[in-house]
Amino acid sequence: MIPVYSPRSESEAAVIASLMQAYGISFFMRGGAFSSMYPGPISNSLNAQMLMVEDDQAELAKELVRSFL
């Protein structure tokens, strides 16, 4: 899997995840669960999420994200 995009917020990550699911793209959000483990201040270095997709679906995923932004 390769990195495609780093969402700026939880809501943006949710919308992008829904978009990937709608188009049948295999993905996972690296670092997606860490921010919910502990309450407290948000540290970008610890809470950064990254959309990871299969190599053969990367171009489609990039195109979808680009059209979303």
Protein backbone atom coordinates (compact mmCIF):
# COMPACT_ATOMS: atom_id res chain seq x y z
CA MET A 1 0.00 0.00 0.00
CA ILE A 2 1.14 3.52 -0.73
CA PRO A 3 0.31 6.88 0.86
CA VAL A 4 -2.05 9.09 -1.13
CA TYR A 5 -3.34 11.93 1.05
CA SER A 6 -3.22 13.23 4.59
CA PRO A 7 -6.63 14.59 5.66
CA ARG A 8 -6.66 17.79 7.71
CA SER A 9 -9.51 16.80 10.02
CA GLU A 10 -11.57 13.88 11.26
CA SER A 11 -14.55 14.98 9.18
CA GLU A 12 -12.44 15.21 6.01
CA ALA A 13 -11.04 11.73 6.73
CA ALA A 14 -14.59 10.36 7.10
CA VAL A 15 -15.71 11.86 3.79
CA ILE A 16 -12.64 10.57 1.96
CA ALA A 17 -13.09 7.10 3.50
CA SER A 18 -16.70 7.08 2.27
CA LEU A 19 -15.53 8.12 -1.18
CA MET A 20 -13.02 5.26 -1.31
CA GLN A 21 -15.69 2.79 -0.17
CA ALA A 22 -18.15 4.07 -2.78
CA TYR A 23 -15.65 3.37 -5.57
CA GLY A 24 -14.55 0.01 -4.17
CA ILE A 25 -10.98 1.11 -3.45
CA SER A 26 -9.09 -0.98 -0.89
CA PHE A 27 -7.71 1.42 1.70
CA PHE A 28 -6.97 2.07 5.32
CA MET A 29 -6.37 5.26 7.24
CA ARG A 30 -2.96 4.93 8.91
CA GLY A 31 -3.02 6.58 12.32
CA GLY A 32 -6.79 6.82 12.17
CA ALA A 33 -7.48 5.24 15.54
CA PHE A 34 -4.62 6.69 17.56
CA SER A 35 -6.26 10.07 18.09
CA SER A 36 -9.20 8.42 19.83
CA MET A 37 -7.08 6.41 22.28
CA TYR A 38 -6.41 9.13 24.82
CA PRO A 39 -8.18 12.41 25.60
CA GLY A 40 -6.23 15.62 25.72
CA PRO A 41 -4.47 18.01 23.40
CA ILE A 42 -3.95 17.00 19.80
CA SER A 43 -0.38 16.56 18.61
CA ASN A 44 -0.10 16.66 14.83
CA SER A 45 2.95 14.41 14.83
CA LEU A 46 1.07 11.71 16.75
CA ASN A 47 -2.42 12.17 15.33
CA ALA A 48 -1.54 12.61 11.66
CA GLN A 49 -3.61 10.36 9.44
CA MET A 50 -2.62 9.10 6.02
CA LEU A 51 -4.84 7.50 3.40
CA MET A 52 -3.13 4.32 2.22
CA VAL A 53 -4.33 2.51 -0.93
CA GLU A 54 -3.29 -0.50 -3.00
CA ASP A 55 -0.64 0.28 -5.59
CA ASP A 56 -2.87 -0.56 -8.55
CA GLN A 57 -5.66 1.74 -7.29
CA ALA A 58 -3.48 4.73 -6.41
CA GLU A 59 -4.16 6.76 -9.55
CA LEU A 60 -7.94 6.45 -9.20
CA ALA A 61 -7.72 7.33 -5.51
CA LYS A 62 -5.59 10.40 -6.25
CA GLU A 63 -8.04 11.51 -8.92
CA LEU A 64 -10.99 11.13 -6.54
CA VAL A 65 -9.24 13.03 -3.75
CA ARG A 66 -8.16 15.76 -6.16
CA SER A 67 -11.75 16.23 -7.38
CA PHE A 68 -12.97 16.31 -3.77
CA LEU A 69 -10.55 19.09 -2.77
